[in-house]
All heavy atoms as atom14 arrays in JSON, in Angstrom:
{
  "sequence": "SALGAGDRIKSPTYSLIEPYTLDDGRPAWHLDLYRIADPGELEW",
  "atom14_mask": [
    [1, 1, 1, 1, 1, 1, 0, 0, 0, 0, 0, 0, 0, 0],
    [1, 1, 1, 1, 1, 0, 0, 0, 0, 0, 0, 0, 0, 0],
    [1, 1, 1, 1, 1, 1, 1, 1, 0, 0, 0, 0, 0, 0],
    [1, 1, 1, 1, 0, 0, 0, 0, 0, 0, 0, 0, 0, 0],
    [1, 1, 1, 1, 1, 0, 0, 0, 0, 0, 0, 0, 0, 0],
    [1, 1, 1, 1, 0, 0, 0, 0, 0, 0, 0, 0, 0, 0],
    [1, 1, 1, 1, 1, 1, 1, 1, 0, 0, 0, 0, 0, 0],
    [1, 1, 1, 1, 1, 1, 1, 1, 1, 1, 1, 0, 0, 0],
    [1, 1, 1, 1, 1, 1, 1, 1, 0, 0, 0, 0, 0, 0],
    [1, 1, 1, 1, 1, 1, 1, 1, 1, 0, 0, 0, 0, 0],
    [1, 1, 1, 1, 1, 1, 0, 0, 0, 0, 0, 0, 0, 0],
    [1, 1, 1, 1, 1, 1, 1, 0, 0, 0, 0, 0, 0, 0],
    [1, 1, 1, 1, 1, 1, 1, 0, 0, 0, 0, 0, 0, 0],
    [1, 1, 1, 1, 1, 1, 1, 1, 1, 1, 1, 1, 0, 0],
    [1, 1, 1, 1, 1, 1, 0, 0, 0, 0, 0, 0, 0, 0],
    [1, 1, 1, 1, 1, 1, 1, 1, 0, 0, 0, 0, 0, 0],
    [1, 1, 1, 1, 1, 1, 1, 1, 0, 0, 0, 0, 0, 0],
    [1, 1, 1, 1, 1, 1, 1, 1, 1, 0, 0, 0, 0, 0],
    [1, 1, 1, 1, 1, 1, 1, 0, 0, 0, 0, 0, 0, 0],
    [1, 1, 1, 1, 1, 1, 1, 1, 1, 1, 1, 1, 0, 0],
    [1, 1, 1, 1, 1, 1, 1, 0, 0, 0, 0, 0, 0, 0],
    [1, 1, 1, 1, 1, 1, 1, 1, 0, 0, 0, 0, 0, 0],
    [1, 1, 1, 1, 1, 1, 1, 1, 0, 0, 0, 0, 0, 0],
    [1, 1, 1, 1, 1, 1, 1, 1, 0, 0, 0, 0, 0, 0],
    [1, 1, 1, 1, 0, 0, 0, 0, 0, 0, 0, 0, 0, 0],
    [1, 1, 1, 1, 1, 1, 1, 1, 1, 1, 1, 0, 0, 0],
    [1, 1, 1, 1, 1, 1, 1, 0, 0, 0, 0, 0, 0, 0],
    [1, 1, 1, 1, 1, 0, 0, 0, 0, 0, 0, 0, 0, 0],
    [1, 1, 1, 1, 1, 1, 1, 1, 1, 1, 1, 1, 1, 1],
    [1, 1, 1, 1, 1, 1, 1, 1, 1, 1, 0, 0, 0, 0],
    [1, 1, 1, 1, 1, 1, 1, 1, 0, 0, 0, 0, 0, 0],
    [1, 1, 1, 1, 1, 1, 1, 1, 0, 0, 0, 0, 0, 0],
    [1, 1, 1, 1, 1, 1, 1, 1, 0, 0, 0, 0, 0, 0],
    [1, 1, 1, 1, 1, 1, 1, 1, 1, 1, 1, 1, 0, 0],
    [1, 1, 1, 1, 1, 1, 1, 1, 1, 1, 1, 0, 0, 0],
    [1, 1, 1, 1, 1, 1, 1, 1, 0, 0, 0, 0, 0, 0],
    [1, 1, 1, 1, 1, 0, 0, 0, 0, 0, 0, 0, 0, 0],
    [1, 1, 1, 1, 1, 1, 1, 1, 0, 0, 0, 0, 0, 0],
    [1, 1, 1, 1, 1, 1, 1, 0, 0, 0, 0, 0, 0, 0],
    [1, 1, 1, 1, 0, 0, 0, 0, 0, 0, 0, 0, 0, 0],
    [1, 1, 1, 1, 1, 1, 1, 1, 1, 0, 0, 0, 0, 0],
    [1, 1, 1, 1, 1, 1, 1, 1, 0, 0, 0, 0, 0, 0],
    [1, 1, 1, 1, 1, 1, 1, 1, 1, 0, 0, 0, 0, 0],
    [1, 1, 1, 1, 1, 1, 1, 1, 1, 1, 1, 1, 1, 1]
  ],
  "atom14_positions": [
    [[7.45, -3.8, 7.76], [7.53, -4.84, 8.78], [8.22, -4.32, 10.03], [7.77, -4.56, 11.15], [8.25, -6.06, 8.22], [8.31, -7.08, 9.18], [0.0, 0.0, 0.0], [0.0, 0.0, 0.0], [0.0, 0.0, 0.0], [0.0, 0.0, 0.0], [0.0, 0.0, 0.0], [0.0, 0.0, 0.0], [0.0, 0.0, 0.0], [0.0, 0.0, 0.0]],
    [[9.31, -3.57, 9.86], [10.04, -3.02, 11.0], [9.21, -2.02, 11.79], [9.41, -1.84, 12.99], [11.34, -2.39, 10.53], [0.0, 0.0, 0.0], [0.0, 0.0, 0.0], [0.0, 0.0, 0.0], [0.0, 0.0, 0.0], [0.0, 0.0, 0.0], [0.0, 0.0, 0.0], [0.0, 0.0, 0.0], [0.0, 0.0, 0.0], [0.0, 0.0, 0.0]],
    [[8.26, -1.37, 11.13], [7.38, -0.41, 11.81], [6.17, -1.09, 12.45], [5.34, -0.44, 13.07], [6.9, 0.67, 10.84], [7.96, 1.67, 10.39], [7.38, 2.61, 9.34], [8.54, 2.44, 11.56], [0.0, 0.0, 0.0], [0.0, 0.0, 0.0], [0.0, 0.0, 0.0], [0.0, 0.0, 0.0], [0.0, 0.0, 0.0], [0.0, 0.0, 0.0]],
    [[6.06, -2.41, 12.27], [5.0, -3.16, 12.93], [3.76, -3.39, 12.08], [2.69, -3.64, 12.62], [0.0, 0.0, 0.0], [0.0, 0.0, 0.0], [0.0, 0.0, 0.0], [0.0, 0.0, 0.0], [0.0, 0.0, 0.0], [0.0, 0.0, 0.0], [0.0, 0.0, 0.0], [0.0, 0.0, 0.0], [0.0, 0.0, 0.0], [0.0, 0.0, 0.0]],
    [[3.89, -3.33, 10.77], [2.74, -3.56, 9.9], [2.39, -5.04, 9.79], [1.42, -5.39, 9.13], [3.02, -2.99, 8.5], [0.0, 0.0, 0.0], [0.0, 0.0, 0.0], [0.0, 0.0, 0.0], [0.0, 0.0, 0.0], [0.0, 0.0, 0.0], [0.0, 0.0, 0.0], [0.0, 0.0, 0.0], [0.0, 0.0, 0.0], [0.0, 0.0, 0.0]],
    [[3.18, -5.88, 10.42], [2.91, -7.32, 10.38], [3.99, -8.07, 9.63], [4.88, -7.47, 9.03], [0.0, 0.0, 0.0], [0.0, 0.0, 0.0], [0.0, 0.0, 0.0], [0.0, 0.0, 0.0], [0.0, 0.0, 0.0], [0.0, 0.0, 0.0], [0.0, 0.0, 0.0], [0.0, 0.0, 0.0], [0.0, 0.0, 0.0], [0.0, 0.0, 0.0]],
    [[3.88, -9.38, 9.66], [4.86, -10.22, 8.99], [4.49, -10.48, 7.54], [5.31, -10.9, 6.75], [5.0, -11.56, 9.72], [5.59, -11.4, 11.1], [6.36, -10.45, 11.3], [5.26, -12.21, 11.98], [0.0, 0.0, 0.0], [0.0, 0.0, 0.0], [0.0, 0.0, 0.0], [0.0, 0.0, 0.0], [0.0, 0.0, 0.0], [0.0, 0.0, 0.0]],
    [[3.24, -10.27, 7.21], [2.75, -10.56, 5.86], [2.48, -9.26, 5.13], [1.36, -8.75, 5.15], [1.49, -11.39, 5.98], [1.44, -12.29, 4.85], [0.59, -13.45, 5.02], [0.68, -13.95, 3.68], [-0.29, -14.2, 2.88], [-1.45, -14.16, 3.28], [-0.12, -14.56, 1.66], [0.0, 0.0, 0.0], [0.0, 0.0, 0.0], [0.0, 0.0, 0.0]],
    [[3.48, -8.71, 4.51], [3.35, -7.48, 3.73], [3.15, -7.9, 2.28], [4.06, -8.39, 1.63], [4.62, -6.6, 3.86], [5.0, -6.38, 5.32], [4.44, -5.29, 3.11], [4.03, -5.61, 6.14], [0.0, 0.0, 0.0], [0.0, 0.0, 0.0], [0.0, 0.0, 0.0], [0.0, 0.0, 0.0], [0.0, 0.0, 0.0], [0.0, 0.0, 0.0]],
    [[1.93, -7.68, 1.78], [1.6, -8.1, 0.42], [2.12, -7.06, -0.58], [2.11, -5.88, -0.31], [0.08, -8.23, 0.25], [-0.51, -9.31, 1.12], [-1.96, -9.62, 0.81], [-2.83, -8.44, 0.58], [-4.26, -8.75, 0.44], [0.0, 0.0, 0.0], [0.0, 0.0, 0.0], [0.0, 0.0, 0.0], [0.0, 0.0, 0.0], [0.0, 0.0, 0.0]],
    [[2.5, -7.55, -1.74], [2.88, -6.64, -2.82], [1.62, -6.05, -3.41], [0.68, -6.78, -3.73], [3.65, -7.4, -3.9], [3.85, -6.55, -5.01], [0.0, 0.0, 0.0], [0.0, 0.0, 0.0], [0.0, 0.0, 0.0], [0.0, 0.0, 0.0], [0.0, 0.0, 0.0], [0.0, 0.0, 0.0], [0.0, 0.0, 0.0], [0.0, 0.0, 0.0]],
    [[1.57, -4.73, -3.59], [0.39, -4.11, -4.17], [0.4, -4.07, -5.7], [-0.27, -3.24, -6.31], [0.42, -2.69, -3.58], [1.86, -2.42, -3.34], [2.49, -3.75, -3.03], [0.0, 0.0, 0.0], [0.0, 0.0, 0.0], [0.0, 0.0, 0.0], [0.0, 0.0, 0.0], [0.0, 0.0, 0.0], [0.0, 0.0, 0.0], [0.0, 0.0, 0.0]],
    [[1.13, -4.97, -6.33], [1.25, -4.96, -7.79], [-0.11, -5.02, -8.47], [-0.36, -4.3, -9.43], [2.13, -6.14, -8.26], [3.42, -6.0, -7.69], [2.25, -6.16, -9.78], [0.0, 0.0, 0.0], [0.0, 0.0, 0.0], [0.0, 0.0, 0.0], [0.0, 0.0, 0.0], [0.0, 0.0, 0.0], [0.0, 0.0, 0.0], [0.0, 0.0, 0.0]],
    [[-1.02, -5.85, -7.98], [-2.33, -5.99, -8.61], [-3.4, -5.15, -7.93], [-4.31, -4.64, -8.58], [-2.74, -7.46, -8.68], [-1.83, -8.22, -9.58], [-0.81, -9.02, -9.07], [-1.93, -8.1, -10.96], [0.06, -9.7, -9.91], [-1.06, -8.77, -11.81], [-0.07, -9.57, -11.27], [0.8, -10.22, -12.11], [0.0, 0.0, 0.0], [0.0, 0.0, 0.0]],
    [[-3.31, -4.98, -6.62], [-4.31, -4.19, -5.89], [-4.03, -2.69, -5.99], [-4.88, -1.88, -5.69], [-4.35, -4.61, -4.43], [-3.1, -4.37, -3.81], [0.0, 0.0, 0.0], [0.0, 0.0, 0.0], [0.0, 0.0, 0.0], [0.0, 0.0, 0.0], [0.0, 0.0, 0.0], [0.0, 0.0, 0.0], [0.0, 0.0, 0.0], [0.0, 0.0, 0.0]],
    [[-2.82, -2.32, -6.36], [-2.3, -0.96, -6.46], [-2.01, -0.31, -5.11], [-1.09, 0.48, -5.0], [-3.23, -0.04, -7.27], [-3.54, -0.47, -8.7], [-4.45, 0.54, -9.36], [-2.27, -0.65, -9.5], [0.0, 0.0, 0.0], [0.0, 0.0, 0.0], [0.0, 0.0, 0.0], [0.0, 0.0, 0.0], [0.0, 0.0, 0.0], [0.0, 0.0, 0.0]],
    [[-2.8, -0.61, -4.09], [-2.59, 0.0, -2.78], [-2.92, -1.02, -1.69], [-3.9, -1.75, -1.79], [-3.43, 1.29, -2.62], [-3.12, 2.0, -1.31], [-4.91, 1.0, -2.77], [-3.69, 3.41, -1.22], [0.0, 0.0, 0.0], [0.0, 0.0, 0.0], [0.0, 0.0, 0.0], [0.0, 0.0, 0.0], [0.0, 0.0, 0.0], [0.0, 0.0, 0.0]],
    [[-2.06, -1.08, -0.67], [-2.29, -1.94, 0.49], [-2.2, -1.07, 1.74], [-1.19, -0.39, 1.97], [-1.25, -3.06, 0.57], [-1.38, -4.13, -0.48], [-2.63, -4.99, -0.32], [-3.15, -5.12, 0.81], [-3.08, -5.52, -1.35], [0.0, 0.0, 0.0], [0.0, 0.0, 0.0], [0.0, 0.0, 0.0], [0.0, 0.0, 0.0], [0.0, 0.0, 0.0]],
    [[-3.26, -1.07, 2.56], [-3.24, -0.29, 3.8], [-2.74, -1.12, 4.98], [-2.92, -2.34, 5.02], [-4.72, 0.05, 3.99], [-5.43, -1.13, 3.41], [-4.57, -1.62, 2.26], [0.0, 0.0, 0.0], [0.0, 0.0, 0.0], [0.0, 0.0, 0.0], [0.0, 0.0, 0.0], [0.0, 0.0, 0.0], [0.0, 0.0, 0.0], [0.0, 0.0, 0.0]],
    [[-2.13, -0.45, 5.96], [-1.64, -1.11, 7.17], [-1.86, -0.18, 8.35], [-1.96, 1.03, 8.19], [-0.14, -1.42, 7.06], [0.17, -2.37, 5.94], [0.57, -1.9, 4.7], [0.04, -3.74, 6.11], [0.84, -2.76, 3.65], [0.3, -4.62, 5.06], [0.7, -4.11, 3.85], [0.96, -4.97, 2.81], [0.0, 0.0, 0.0], [0.0, 0.0, 0.0]],
    [[-1.89, -0.76, 9.53], [-1.85, 0.0, 10.77], [-0.56, -0.39, 11.48], [-0.31, -1.58, 11.71], [-3.07, -0.3, 11.67], [-4.26, 0.03, 10.94], [-3.01, 0.51, 12.95], [0.0, 0.0, 0.0], [0.0, 0.0, 0.0], [0.0, 0.0, 0.0], [0.0, 0.0, 0.0], [0.0, 0.0, 0.0], [0.0, 0.0, 0.0], [0.0, 0.0, 0.0]],
    [[0.25, 0.59, 11.8], [1.54, 0.34, 12.44], [1.37, 0.11, 13.93], [0.32, 0.4, 14.5], [2.47, 1.53, 12.17], [2.68, 1.87, 10.69], [3.58, 3.08, 10.54], [3.23, 0.68, 9.92], [0.0, 0.0, 0.0], [0.0, 0.0, 0.0], [0.0, 0.0, 0.0], [0.0, 0.0, 0.0], [0.0, 0.0, 0.0], [0.0, 0.0, 0.0]],
    [[2.41, -0.41, 14.57], [2.37, -0.7, 16.01], [1.93, 0.5, 16.84], [1.26, 0.35, 17.85], [3.74, -1.17, 16.52], [3.98, -2.64, 16.26], [3.01, -3.37, 15.94], [5.15, -3.07, 16.36], [0.0, 0.0, 0.0], [0.0, 0.0, 0.0], [0.0, 0.0, 0.0], [0.0, 0.0, 0.0], [0.0, 0.0, 0.0], [0.0, 0.0, 0.0]],
    [[2.32, 1.71, 16.42], [1.98, 2.91, 17.19], [0.63, 3.5, 16.8], [0.26, 4.58, 17.24], [3.08, 3.96, 17.07], [3.29, 4.45, 15.65], [2.51, 4.08, 14.74], [4.25, 5.23, 15.43], [0.0, 0.0, 0.0], [0.0, 0.0, 0.0], [0.0, 0.0, 0.0], [0.0, 0.0, 0.0], [0.0, 0.0, 0.0], [0.0, 0.0, 0.0]],
    [[-0.12, 2.79, 15.95], [-1.46, 3.23, 15.56], [-1.52, 4.1, 14.32], [-2.6, 4.39, 13.82], [0.0, 0.0, 0.0], [0.0, 0.0, 0.0], [0.0, 0.0, 0.0], [0.0, 0.0, 0.0], [0.0, 0.0, 0.0], [0.0, 0.0, 0.0], [0.0, 0.0, 0.0], [0.0, 0.0, 0.0], [0.0, 0.0, 0.0], [0.0, 0.0, 0.0]],
    [[-0.36, 4.5, 13.82], [-0.37, 5.33, 12.6], [-0.79, 4.51, 11.4], [-0.51, 3.32, 11.32], [1.04, 5.89, 12.32], [1.47, 6.97, 13.26], [2.83, 7.52, 12.87], [3.84, 6.47, 13.01], [5.02, 6.47, 12.39], [5.35, 7.46, 11.59], [5.87, 5.49, 12.58], [0.0, 0.0, 0.0], [0.0, 0.0, 0.0], [0.0, 0.0, 0.0]],
    [[-1.41, 5.18, 10.41], [-1.73, 4.47, 9.17], [-0.5, 4.41, 8.27], [0.39, 5.27, 8.35], [-2.82, 5.35, 8.54], [-2.53, 6.73, 9.05], [-1.96, 6.54, 10.44], [0.0, 0.0, 0.0], [0.0, 0.0, 0.0], [0.0, 0.0, 0.0], [0.0, 0.0, 0.0], [0.0, 0.0, 0.0], [0.0, 0.0, 0.0], [0.0, 0.0, 0.0]],
    [[-0.47, 3.4, 7.44], [0.6, 3.27, 6.44], [-0.03, 2.74, 5.16], [-0.98, 1.97, 5.2], [1.7, 2.34, 6.93], [0.0, 0.0, 0.0], [0.0, 0.0, 0.0], [0.0, 0.0, 0.0], [0.0, 0.0, 0.0], [0.0, 0.0, 0.0], [0.0, 0.0, 0.0], [0.0, 0.0, 0.0], [0.0, 0.0, 0.0], [0.0, 0.0, 0.0]],
    [[0.53, 3.16, 4.04], [0.08, 2.67, 2.74], [1.29, 2.33, 1.89], [2.29, 3.05, 1.91], [-0.76, 3.72, 2.01], [-2.12, 3.89, 2.59], [-3.22, 3.12, 2.37], [-2.53, 4.9, 3.5], [-4.29, 3.59, 3.09], [-3.89, 4.68, 3.79], [-1.88, 5.97, 4.12], [-4.61, 5.49, 4.65], [-2.59, 6.77, 4.98], [-3.94, 6.52, 5.23]],
    [[1.16, 1.26, 1.14], [2.18, 0.84, 0.18], [1.48, 0.82, -1.18], [0.51, 0.08, -1.37], [2.71, -0.54, 0.57], [3.78, -1.05, -0.33], [4.19, -2.37, -0.3], [4.54, -0.46, -1.28], [5.14, -2.55, -1.19], [5.37, -1.41, -1.81], [0.0, 0.0, 0.0], [0.0, 0.0, 0.0], [0.0, 0.0, 0.0], [0.0, 0.0, 0.0]],
    [[1.96, 1.64, -2.1], [1.37, 1.72, -3.43], [2.37, 1.23, -4.46], [3.57, 1.49, -4.34], [1.0, 3.17, -3.79], [-0.17, 3.81, -3.08], [0.2, 4.26, -1.69], [-0.67, 4.99, -3.88], [0.0, 0.0, 0.0], [0.0, 0.0, 0.0], [0.0, 0.0, 0.0], [0.0, 0.0, 0.0], [0.0, 0.0, 0.0], [0.0, 0.0, 0.0]],
    [[1.86, 0.55, -5.47], [2.66, 0.14, -6.62], [1.89, 0.6, -7.86], [0.84, 0.03, -8.19], [2.87, -1.36, -6.64], [3.78, -1.84, -7.77], [3.85, -1.15, -8.82], [4.39, -2.9, -7.63], [0.0, 0.0, 0.0], [0.0, 0.0, 0.0], [0.0, 0.0, 0.0], [0.0, 0.0, 0.0], [0.0, 0.0, 0.0], [0.0, 0.0, 0.0]],
    [[2.38, 1.61, -8.52], [1.66, 2.23, -9.64], [2.14, 1.76, -11.0], [1.85, 2.38, -12.02], [1.76, 3.75, -9.53], [1.28, 4.34, -8.2], [1.4, 5.86, -8.22], [-0.12, 3.89, -7.86], [0.0, 0.0, 0.0], [0.0, 0.0, 0.0], [0.0, 0.0, 0.0], [0.0, 0.0, 0.0], [0.0, 0.0, 0.0], [0.0, 0.0, 0.0]],
    [[2.85, 0.64, -11.04], [3.39, 0.12, -12.3], [2.31, -0.05, -13.36], [2.54, 0.22, -14.53], [4.11, -1.22, -12.05], [4.69, -1.81, -13.31], [5.81, -1.25, -13.89], [4.1, -2.93, -13.9], [6.35, -1.79, -15.05], [4.63, -3.47, -15.06], [5.76, -2.9, -15.63], [6.28, -3.42, -16.79], [0.0, 0.0, 0.0], [0.0, 0.0, 0.0]],
    [[1.14, -0.48, -12.97], [0.07, -0.77, -13.93], [-0.76, 0.45, -14.31], [-1.7, 0.34, -15.08], [-0.83, -1.86, -13.38], [-0.08, -3.16, -13.19], [-1.0, -4.27, -12.73], [-0.25, -5.5, -12.57], [0.15, -6.27, -13.56], [-0.1, -5.97, -14.79], [0.84, -7.37, -13.32], [0.0, 0.0, 0.0], [0.0, 0.0, 0.0], [0.0, 0.0, 0.0]],
    [[-0.44, 1.61, -13.77], [-1.18, 2.84, -14.07], [-0.64, 3.45, -15.36], [0.56, 3.66, -15.5], [-1.03, 3.85, -12.91], [-1.68, 3.31, -11.65], [-1.61, 5.21, -13.29], [-3.17, 3.13, -11.73], [0.0, 0.0, 0.0], [0.0, 0.0, 0.0], [0.0, 0.0, 0.0], [0.0, 0.0, 0.0], [0.0, 0.0, 0.0], [0.0, 0.0, 0.0]],
    [[-1.54, 3.74, -16.3], [-1.13, 4.36, -17.57], [-1.29, 5.87, -17.51], [-0.57, 6.6, -18.2], [-1.95, 3.8, -18.72], [0.0, 0.0, 0.0], [0.0, 0.0, 0.0], [0.0, 0.0, 0.0], [0.0, 0.0, 0.0], [0.0, 0.0, 0.0], [0.0, 0.0, 0.0], [0.0, 0.0, 0.0], [0.0, 0.0, 0.0], [0.0, 0.0, 0.0]],
    [[-2.21, 6.36, -16.66], [-2.5, 7.8, -16.6], [-2.82, 8.15, -15.14], [-3.58, 7.42, -14.5], [-3.69, 8.12, -17.51], [-4.01, 9.58, -17.51], [-4.79, 10.02, -16.62], [-3.48, 10.3, -18.38], [0.0, 0.0, 0.0], [0.0, 0.0, 0.0], [0.0, 0.0, 0.0], [0.0, 0.0, 0.0], [0.0, 0.0, 0.0], [0.0, 0.0, 0.0]],
    [[-2.28, 9.25, -14.62], [-2.56, 9.62, -13.23], [-4.05, 9.75, -12.92], [-4.48, 9.55, -11.78], [-1.85, 10.96, -13.05], [-0.76, 10.95, -14.06], [-1.31, 10.17, -15.23], [0.0, 0.0, 0.0], [0.0, 0.0, 0.0], [0.0, 0.0, 0.0], [0.0, 0.0, 0.0], [0.0, 0.0, 0.0], [0.0, 0.0, 0.0], [0.0, 0.0, 0.0]],
    [[-4.89, 10.05, -13.92], [-6.33, 10.16, -13.71], [-6.95, 8.86, -13.23], [-8.02, 8.87, -12.6], [0.0, 0.0, 0.0], [0.0, 0.0, 0.0], [0.0, 0.0, 0.0], [0.0, 0.0, 0.0], [0.0, 0.0, 0.0], [0.0, 0.0, 0.0], [0.0, 0.0, 0.0], [0.0, 0.0, 0.0], [0.0, 0.0, 0.0], [0.0, 0.0, 0.0]],
    [[-6.3, 7.74, -13.5], [-6.81, 6.44, -13.06], [-6.78, 6.29, -11.54], [-7.42, 5.41, -10.99], [-5.98, 5.31, -13.68], [-6.09, 5.21, -15.19], [-5.19, 4.13, -15.74], [-5.1, 3.04, -15.14], [-4.55, 4.38, -16.78], [0.0, 0.0, 0.0], [0.0, 0.0, 0.0], [0.0, 0.0, 0.0], [0.0, 0.0, 0.0], [0.0, 0.0, 0.0]],
    [[-6.03, 7.16, -10.87], [-5.89, 7.05, -9.42], [-7.08, 7.61, -8.65], [-7.2, 7.37, -7.45], [-4.6, 7.76, -8.96], [-3.31, 7.18, -9.51], [-2.13, 8.03, -9.09], [-3.12, 5.75, -9.04], [0.0, 0.0, 0.0], [0.0, 0.0, 0.0], [0.0, 0.0, 0.0], [0.0, 0.0, 0.0], [0.0, 0.0, 0.0], [0.0, 0.0, 0.0]],
    [[-7.97, 8.33, -9.31], [-9.09, 8.96, -8.62], [-9.92, 7.98, -7.81], [-10.35, 8.28, -6.71], [-9.99, 9.68, -9.63], [-9.38, 10.95, -10.15], [-10.32, 11.68, -11.1], [-11.54, 11.62, -10.9], [-9.8, 12.29, -12.04], [0.0, 0.0, 0.0], [0.0, 0.0, 0.0], [0.0, 0.0, 0.0], [0.0, 0.0, 0.0], [0.0, 0.0, 0.0]],
    [[-10.15, 6.8, -8.33], [-11.0, 5.82, -7.65], [-10.31, 5.12, -6.48], [-10.93, 4.37, -5.75], [-11.54, 4.79, -8.65], [-10.48, 4.0, -9.33], [-9.84, 4.31, -10.48], [-9.92, 2.76, -8.9], [-8.9, 3.35, -10.8], [-8.95, 2.38, -9.83], [-10.15, 1.92, -7.8], [-8.21, 1.21, -9.7], [-9.41, 0.76, -7.69], [-8.45, 0.42, -8.63]]
  ]
}
């Protein structure tokens, strides 16, 4: 939020990954891998 990703920062608990664009145009990602059992699941 402080970097300008918006006021509504969703938890990626179920989606695993949430993308954002910061105020300066840079990309940002927030990942929550709690539900991952094996790193191979991340390929998709």
